[in-house]
Amino acid sequence: MLERIIIDKRIMHGKPVVKGTRVPVDIVVGSLAGSMTFEEVQDEYGIQLEDIRACLVYASQVVSEERVYAL
């Protein structure tokens, strides 16, 4: 799945994007969180279902690696 997500400093200033596009992972995840359906996201950004799933996997991995420290 993650071969569909790339990070390249020449594309969107190094933000993670769907490979072959300039669609950032955070936009895809945010669109889903904002109540767009998978089909609406596909149509809006011209990406495939597998790209959306890769964005969710990427976001899940980033969140799982986050460290939170109690103050």
PDB file of N, CA and C in Angstrom:
ATOM      1  N   MET A   1       0.817  -1.205   0.000  1.00  0.00           N
ATOM      2  CA  MET A   1       0.000   0.000   0.000  1.00  0.00           C
ATOM      3  C   MET A   1       0.854   1.261   0.000  1.00  0.00           C
ATOM      4  N   LEU A   2       1.895   1.268   0.803  1.00  0.00           N
ATOM      5  CA  LEU A   2       2.642   2.512   0.973  1.00  0.00           C
ATOM      6  C   LEU A   2       3.494   2.887  -0.233  1.00  0.00           C
ATOM      7  N   GLU A   3       3.606   1.992  -1.217  1.00  0.00           N
ATOM      8  CA  GLU A   3       4.301   2.397  -2.434  1.00  0.00           C
ATOM      9  C   GLU A   3       3.471   3.402  -3.223  1.00  0.00           C
ATOM     10  N   ARG A   4       2.220   3.597  -2.827  1.00  0.00           N
ATOM     11  CA  ARG A   4       1.338   4.586  -3.459  1.00  0.00           C
ATOM     12  C   ARG A   4       1.516   5.981  -2.864  1.00  0.00           C
ATOM     13  N   ILE A   5       2.256   6.096  -1.778  1.00  0.00           N
ATOM     14  CA  ILE A   5       2.488   7.382  -1.112  1.00  0.00           C
ATOM     15  C   ILE A   5       3.968   7.729  -1.262  1.00  0.00           C
ATOM     16  N   ILE A   6       4.239   8.965  -1.704  1.00  0.00           N
ATOM     17  CA  ILE A   6       5.634   9.380  -1.839  1.00  0.00           C
ATOM     18  C   ILE A   6       5.865  10.696  -1.100  1.00  0.00           C
ATOM     19  N   ILE A   7       7.118  10.893  -0.740  1.00  0.00           N
ATOM     20  CA  ILE A   7       7.552  12.153  -0.151  1.00  0.00           C
ATOM     21  C   ILE A   7       8.744  12.615  -0.973  1.00  0.00           C
ATOM     22  N   ASP A   8       8.569  13.752  -1.634  1.00  0.00           N
ATOM     23  CA  ASP A   8       9.601  14.303  -2.504  1.00  0.00           C
ATOM     24  C   ASP A   8       9.616  15.810  -2.291  1.00  0.00           C
ATOM     25  N   LYS A   9      10.748  16.338  -1.884  1.00  0.00           N
ATOM     26  CA  LYS A   9      10.828  17.767  -1.558  1.00  0.00           C
ATOM     27  C   LYS A   9      10.464  18.650  -2.745  1.00  0.00           C
ATOM     28  N   ARG A  10      10.493  18.105  -3.965  1.00  0.00           N
ATOM     29  CA  ARG A  10      10.138  18.884  -5.154  1.00  0.00           C
ATOM     30  C   ARG A  10       8.630  18.897  -5.419  1.00  0.00           C
ATOM     31  N   ILE A  11       7.900  18.069  -4.687  1.00  0.00           N
ATOM     32  CA  ILE A  11       6.445  17.986  -4.878  1.00  0.00           C
ATOM     33  C   ILE A  11       5.763  18.412  -3.585  1.00  0.00           C
ATOM     34  N   MET A  12       4.993  19.485  -3.659  1.00  0.00           N
ATOM     35  CA  MET A  12       4.233  19.982  -2.505  1.00  0.00           C
ATOM     36  C   MET A  12       5.133  20.203  -1.279  1.00  0.00           C
ATOM     37  N   HIS A  13       6.358  20.667  -1.524  1.00  0.00           N
ATOM     38  CA  HIS A  13       7.307  21.002  -0.445  1.00  0.00           C
ATOM     39  C   HIS A  13       7.594  19.812   0.480  1.00  0.00           C
ATOM     40  N   GLY A  14       7.516  18.598  -0.054  1.00  0.00           N
ATOM     41  CA  GLY A  14       7.860  17.419   0.733  1.00  0.00           C
ATOM     42  C   GLY A  14       6.724  16.816   1.526  1.00  0.00           C
ATOM     43  N   LYS A  15       5.506  17.314   1.335  1.00  0.00           N
ATOM     44  CA  LYS A  15       4.366  16.695   2.014  1.00  0.00           C
ATOM     45  C   LYS A  15       4.106  15.325   1.395  1.00  0.00           C
ATOM     46  N   PRO A  16       3.645  14.358   2.170  1.00  0.00           N
ATOM     47  CA  PRO A  16       3.297  13.062   1.588  1.00  0.00           C
ATOM     48  C   PRO A  16       2.102  13.222   0.638  1.00  0.00           C
ATOM     49  N   VAL A  17       2.253  12.681  -0.577  1.00  0.00           N
ATOM     50  CA  VAL A  17       1.208  12.779  -1.594  1.00  0.00           C
ATOM     51  C   VAL A  17       0.965  11.420  -2.229  1.00  0.00           C
ATOM     52  N   VAL A  18      -0.169  11.308  -2.898  1.00  0.00           N
ATOM     53  CA  VAL A  18      -0.455  10.113  -3.687  1.00  0.00           C
ATOM     54  C   VAL A  18       0.489  10.116  -4.886  1.00  0.00           C
ATOM     55  N   LYS A  19       1.188   9.019  -5.092  1.00  0.00           N
ATOM     56  CA  LYS A  19       2.171   8.910  -6.164  1.00  0.00           C
ATOM     57  C   LYS A  19       1.541   9.244  -7.520  1.00  0.00           C
ATOM     58  N   GLY A  20       2.240  10.047  -8.292  1.00  0.00           N
ATOM     59  CA  GLY A  20       1.776  10.428  -9.614  1.00  0.00           C
ATOM     60  C   GLY A  20       0.790  11.585  -9.614  1.00  0.00           C
ATOM     61  N   THR A  21       0.560  12.168  -8.422  1.00  0.00           N
ATOM     62  CA  THR A  21      -0.360  13.292  -8.295  1.00  0.00           C
ATOM     63  C   THR A  21       0.275  14.350  -7.403  1.00  0.00           C
ATOM     64  N   ARG A  22      -0.451  15.417  -7.189  1.00  0.00           N
ATOM     65  CA  ARG A  22      -0.070  16.427  -6.208  1.00  0.00           C
ATOM     66  C   ARG A  22      -1.127  16.467  -5.107  1.00  0.00           C
ATOM     67  N   VAL A  23      -1.783  15.326  -4.873  1.00  0.00           N
ATOM     68  CA  VAL A  23      -2.851  15.234  -3.871  1.00  0.00           C
ATOM     69  C   VAL A  23      -2.234  14.814  -2.540  1.00  0.00           C
ATOM     70  N   PRO A  24      -2.215  15.717  -1.553  1.00  0.00           N
ATOM     71  CA  PRO A  24      -1.627  15.389  -0.252  1.00  0.00           C
ATOM     72  C   PRO A  24      -2.487  14.398   0.544  1.00  0.00           C
ATOM     73  N   VAL A  25      -1.796  13.558   1.300  1.00  0.00           N
ATOM     74  CA  VAL A  25      -2.468  12.585   2.153  1.00  0.00           C
ATOM     75  C   VAL A  25      -3.422  13.284   3.121  1.00  0.00           C
ATOM     76  N   ASP A  26      -3.001  14.403   3.708  1.00  0.00           N
ATOM     77  CA  ASP A  26      -3.855  15.068   4.694  1.00  0.00           C
ATOM     78  C   ASP A  26      -5.148  15.592   4.076  1.00  0.00           C
ATOM     79  N   ILE A  27      -5.126  15.956   2.804  1.00  0.00           N
ATOM     80  CA  ILE A  27      -6.344  16.416   2.136  1.00  0.00           C
ATOM     81  C   ILE A  27      -7.310  15.248   1.958  1.00  0.00           C
ATOM     82  N   VAL A  28      -6.785  14.097   1.578  1.00  0.00           N
ATOM     83  CA  VAL A  28      -7.636  12.914   1.403  1.00  0.00           C
ATOM     84  C   VAL A  28      -8.268  12.508   2.734  1.00  0.00           C
ATOM     85  N   VAL A  29      -7.450  12.402   3.770  1.00  0.00           N
ATOM     86  CA  VAL A  29      -7.964  11.999   5.086  1.00  0.00           C
ATOM     87  C   VAL A  29      -8.934  13.049   5.623  1.00  0.00           C
ATOM     88  N   GLY A  30      -8.603  14.319   5.459  1.00  0.00           N
ATOM     89  CA  GLY A  30      -9.486  15.390   5.910  1.00  0.00           C
ATOM     90  C   GLY A  30     -10.814  15.397   5.175  1.00  0.00           C
ATOM     91  N   SER A  31     -10.784  15.092   3.893  1.00  0.00           N
ATOM     92  CA  SER A  31     -12.024  15.038   3.112  1.00  0.00           C
ATOM     93  C   SER A  31     -12.927  13.920   3.617  1.00  0.00           C
ATOM     94  N   LEU A  32     -12.330  12.770   3.921  1.00  0.00           N
ATOM     95  CA  LEU A  32     -13.123  11.666   4.475  1.00  0.00           C
ATOM     96  C   LEU A  32     -13.670  12.036   5.851  1.00  0.00           C
ATOM     97  N   ALA A  33     -12.852  12.677   6.655  1.00  0.00           N
ATOM     98  CA  ALA A  33     -13.298  13.104   7.988  1.00  0.00           C
ATOM     99  C   ALA A  33     -14.403  14.150   7.887  1.00  0.00           C
ATOM    100  N   GLY A  34     -14.399  14.908   6.807  1.00  0.00           N
ATOM    101  CA  GLY A  34     -15.420  15.928   6.582  1.00  0.00           C
ATOM    102  C   GLY A  34     -16.673  15.393   5.929  1.00  0.00           C
ATOM    103  N   SER A  35     -16.835  14.090   5.928  1.00  0.00           N
ATOM    104  CA  SER A  35     -18.053  13.402   5.470  1.00  0.00           C
ATOM    105  C   SER A  35     -18.126  13.132   3.972  1.00  0.00           C
ATOM    106  N   MET A  36     -17.053  13.353   3.236  1.00  0.00           N
ATOM    107  CA  MET A  36     -17.072  12.942   1.832  1.00  0.00           C
ATOM    108  C   MET A  36     -16.997  11.424   1.770  1.00  0.00           C
ATOM    109  N   THR A  37     -17.652  10.843   0.791  1.00  0.00           N
ATOM    110  CA  THR A  37     -17.577   9.395   0.597  1.00  0.00           C
ATOM    111  C   THR A  37     -16.306   9.058  -0.178  1.00  0.00           C
ATOM    112  N   PHE A  38     -15.954   7.792  -0.187  1.00  0.00           N
ATOM    113  CA  PHE A  38     -14.797   7.359  -0.959  1.00  0.00           C
ATOM    114  C   PHE A  38     -14.999   7.728  -2.427  1.00  0.00           C
ATOM    115  N   GLU A  39     -16.200   7.532  -2.937  1.00  0.00           N
ATOM    116  CA  GLU A  39     -16.483   7.840  -4.341  1.00  0.00           C
ATOM    117  C   GLU A  39     -16.345   9.338  -4.619  1.00  0.00           C
ATOM    118  N   GLU A  40     -16.798  10.167  -3.699  1.00  0.00           N
ATOM    119  CA  GLU A  40     -16.665  11.614  -3.867  1.00  0.00           C
ATOM    120  C   GLU A  40     -15.201  12.038  -3.872  1.00  0.00           C
ATOM    121  N   VAL A  41     -14.403  11.434  -3.008  1.00  0.00           N
ATOM    122  CA  VAL A  41     -12.972  11.745  -2.959  1.00  0.00           C
ATOM    123  C   VAL A  41     -12.304  11.302  -4.258  1.00  0.00           C
ATOM    124  N   GLN A  42     -12.657  10.126  -4.739  1.00  0.00           N
ATOM    125  CA  GLN A  42     -12.106   9.645  -6.007  1.00  0.00           C
ATOM    126  C   GLN A  42     -12.418  10.623  -7.141  1.00  0.00           C
ATOM    127  N   ASP A  43     -13.654  11.038  -7.224  1.00  0.00           N
ATOM    128  CA  ASP A  43     -14.076  11.953  -8.285  1.00  0.00           C
ATOM    129  C   ASP A  43     -13.432  13.329  -8.136  1.00  0.00           C
ATOM    130  N   GLU A  44     -13.381  13.828  -6.916  1.00  0.00           N
ATOM    131  CA  GLU A  44     -12.858  15.172  -6.668  1.00  0.00           C
ATOM    132  C   GLU A  44     -11.360  15.289  -6.983  1.00  0.00           C
ATOM    133  N   TYR A  45     -10.592  14.264  -6.620  1.00  0.00           N
ATOM    134  CA  TYR A  45      -9.138  14.353  -6.730  1.00  0.00           C
ATOM    135  C   TYR A  45      -8.544  13.460  -7.817  1.00  0.00           C
ATOM    136  N   GLY A  46      -9.379  12.687  -8.500  1.00  0.00           N
ATOM    137  CA  GLY A  46      -8.889  11.844  -9.585  1.00  0.00           C
ATOM    138  C   GLY A  46      -7.961  10.739  -9.127  1.00  0.00           C
ATOM    139  N   ILE A  47      -8.255  10.150  -7.976  1.00  0.00           N
ATOM    140  CA  ILE A  47      -7.433   9.065  -7.440  1.00  0.00           C
ATOM    141  C   ILE A  47      -8.262   7.792  -7.353  1.00  0.00           C
ATOM    142  N   GLN A  48      -7.587   6.676  -7.127  1.00  0.00           N
ATOM    143  CA  GLN A  48      -8.244   5.380  -7.071  1.00  0.00           C
ATOM    144  C   GLN A  48      -8.549   4.990  -5.627  1.00  0.00           C
ATOM    145  N   LEU A  49      -9.424   4.009  -5.483  1.00  0.00           N
ATOM    146  CA  LEU A  49      -9.786   3.503  -4.160  1.00  0.00           C
ATOM    147  C   LEU A  49      -8.543   3.045  -3.396  1.00  0.00           C
ATOM    148  N   GLU A  50      -7.624   2.386  -4.091  1.00  0.00           N
ATOM    149  CA  GLU A  50      -6.393   1.909  -3.448  1.00  0.00           C
ATOM    150  C   GLU A  50      -5.536   3.070  -2.948  1.00  0.00           C
ATOM    151  N   ASP A  51      -5.592   4.207  -3.640  1.00  0.00           N
ATOM    152  CA  ASP A  51      -4.864   5.398  -3.185  1.00  0.00           C
ATOM    153  C   ASP A  51      -5.442   5.910  -1.871  1.00  0.00           C
ATOM    154  N   ILE A  52      -6.759   5.919  -1.779  1.00  0.00           N
ATOM    155  CA  ILE A  52      -7.423   6.365  -0.545  1.00  0.00           C
ATOM    156  C   ILE A  52      -7.048   5.446   0.605  1.00  0.00           C
ATOM    157  N   ARG A  53      -7.087   4.161   0.359  1.00  0.00           N
ATOM    158  CA  ARG A  53      -6.710   3.206   1.413  1.00  0.00           C
ATOM    159  C   ARG A  53      -5.257   3.391   1.826  1.00  0.00           C
ATOM    160  N   ALA A  54      -4.383   3.655   0.871  1.00  0.00           N
ATOM    161  CA  ALA A  54      -2.972   3.897   1.192  1.00  0.00           C
ATOM    162  C   ALA A  54      -2.818   5.143   2.058  1.00  0.00           C
ATOM    163  N   CYS A  55      -3.606   6.177   1.787  1.00  0.00           N
ATOM    164  CA  CYS A  55      -3.576   7.387   2.613  1.00  0.00           C
ATOM    165  C   CYS A  55      -3.988   7.070   4.044  1.00  0.00           C
ATOM    166  N   LEU A  56      -5.000   6.247   4.192  1.00  0.00           N
ATOM    167  CA  LEU A  56      -5.452   5.879   5.540  1.00  0.00           C
ATOM    168  C   LEU A  56      -4.409   5.037   6.263  1.00  0.00           C
ATOM    169  N   VAL A  57      -3.769   4.127   5.555  1.00  0.00           N
ATOM    170  CA  VAL A  57      -2.706   3.314   6.156  1.00  0.00           C
ATOM    171  C   VAL A  57      -1.551   4.218   6.584  1.00  0.00           C
ATOM    172  N   TYR A  58      -1.159   5.137   5.712  1.00  0.00           N
ATOM    173  CA  TYR A  58      -0.070   6.055   6.035  1.00  0.00           C
ATOM    174  C   TYR A  58      -0.411   6.879   7.275  1.00  0.00           C
ATOM    175  N   ALA A  59      -1.610   7.448   7.300  1.00  0.00           N
ATOM    176  CA  ALA A  59      -2.027   8.266   8.444  1.00  0.00           C
ATOM    177  C   ALA A  59      -2.058   7.433   9.717  1.00  0.00           C
ATOM    178  N   SER A  60      -2.528   6.219   9.623  1.00  0.00           N
ATOM    179  CA  SER A  60      -2.570   5.336  10.792  1.00  0.00           C
ATOM    180  C   SER A  60      -1.167   5.075  11.331  1.00  0.00           C
ATOM    181  N   GLN A  61      -0.226   4.835  10.443  1.00  0.00           N
ATOM    182  CA  GLN A  61       1.147   4.576  10.875  1.00  0.00           C
ATOM    183  C   GLN A  61       1.780   5.809  11.510  1.00  0.00           C
ATOM    184  N   VAL A  62       1.520   6.970  10.950  1.00  0.00           N
ATOM    185  CA  VAL A  62       2.071   8.206  11.519  1.00  0.00           C
ATOM    186  C   VAL A  62       1.513   8.434  12.913  1.00  0.00           C
ATOM    187  N   VAL A  63       0.218   8.250  13.084  1.00  0.00           N
ATOM    188  CA  VAL A  63      -0.406   8.452  14.390  1.00  0.00           C
ATOM    189  C   VAL A  63       0.090   7.417  15.392  1.00  0.00           C
ATOM    190  N   SER A  64       0.267   6.185  14.957  1.00  0.00           N
ATOM    191  CA  SER A  64       0.708   5.141  15.884  1.00  0.00           C
ATOM    192  C   SER A  64       2.130   5.366  16.378  1.00  0.00           C
ATOM    193  N   GLU A  65       2.925   6.088  15.595  1.00  0.00           N
ATOM    194  CA  GLU A  65       4.306   6.375  15.992  1.00  0.00           C
ATOM    195  C   GLU A  65       4.433   7.654  16.825  1.00  0.00           C
ATOM    196  N   GLU A  66       3.353   8.414  16.922  1.00  0.00           N
ATOM    197  CA  GLU A  66       3.393   9.665  17.680  1.00  0.00           C
ATOM    198  C   GLU A  66       3.585   9.379  19.168  1.00  0.00           C
ATOM    199  N   ARG A  67       4.387  10.179  19.796  1.00  0.00           N
ATOM    200  CA  ARG A  67       4.634  10.043  21.238  1.00  0.00           C
ATOM    201  C   ARG A  67       3.977  11.212  21.952  1.00  0.00           C
ATOM    202  N   VAL A  68       3.194  10.902  22.960  1.00  0.00           N
ATOM    203  CA  VAL A  68       2.515  11.931  23.745  1.00  0.00           C
ATOM    204  C   VAL A  68       3.035  11.828  25.172  1.00  0.00           C
ATOM    205  N   TYR A  69       3.415  12.960  25.717  1.00  0.00           N
ATOM    206  CA  TYR A  69       3.961  12.998  27.065  1.00  0.00           C
ATOM    207  C   TYR A  69       3.063  13.813  27.969  1.00  0.00           C
ATOM    208  N   ALA A  70       2.661  13.232  29.101  1.00  0.00           N
ATOM    209  CA  ALA A  70       1.835  13.940  30.059  1.00  0.00           C
ATOM    210  C   ALA A  70       2.640  15.049  30.705  1.00  0.00           C
ATOM    211  N   LEU A  71       1.999  16.175  30.927  1.00  0.00           N
ATOM    212  CA  LEU A  71       2.677  17.295  31.576  1.00  0.00           C
ATOM    213  C   LEU A  71       2.482  17.276  33.063  1.00  0.00           C
TER     214      LEU A  71
END
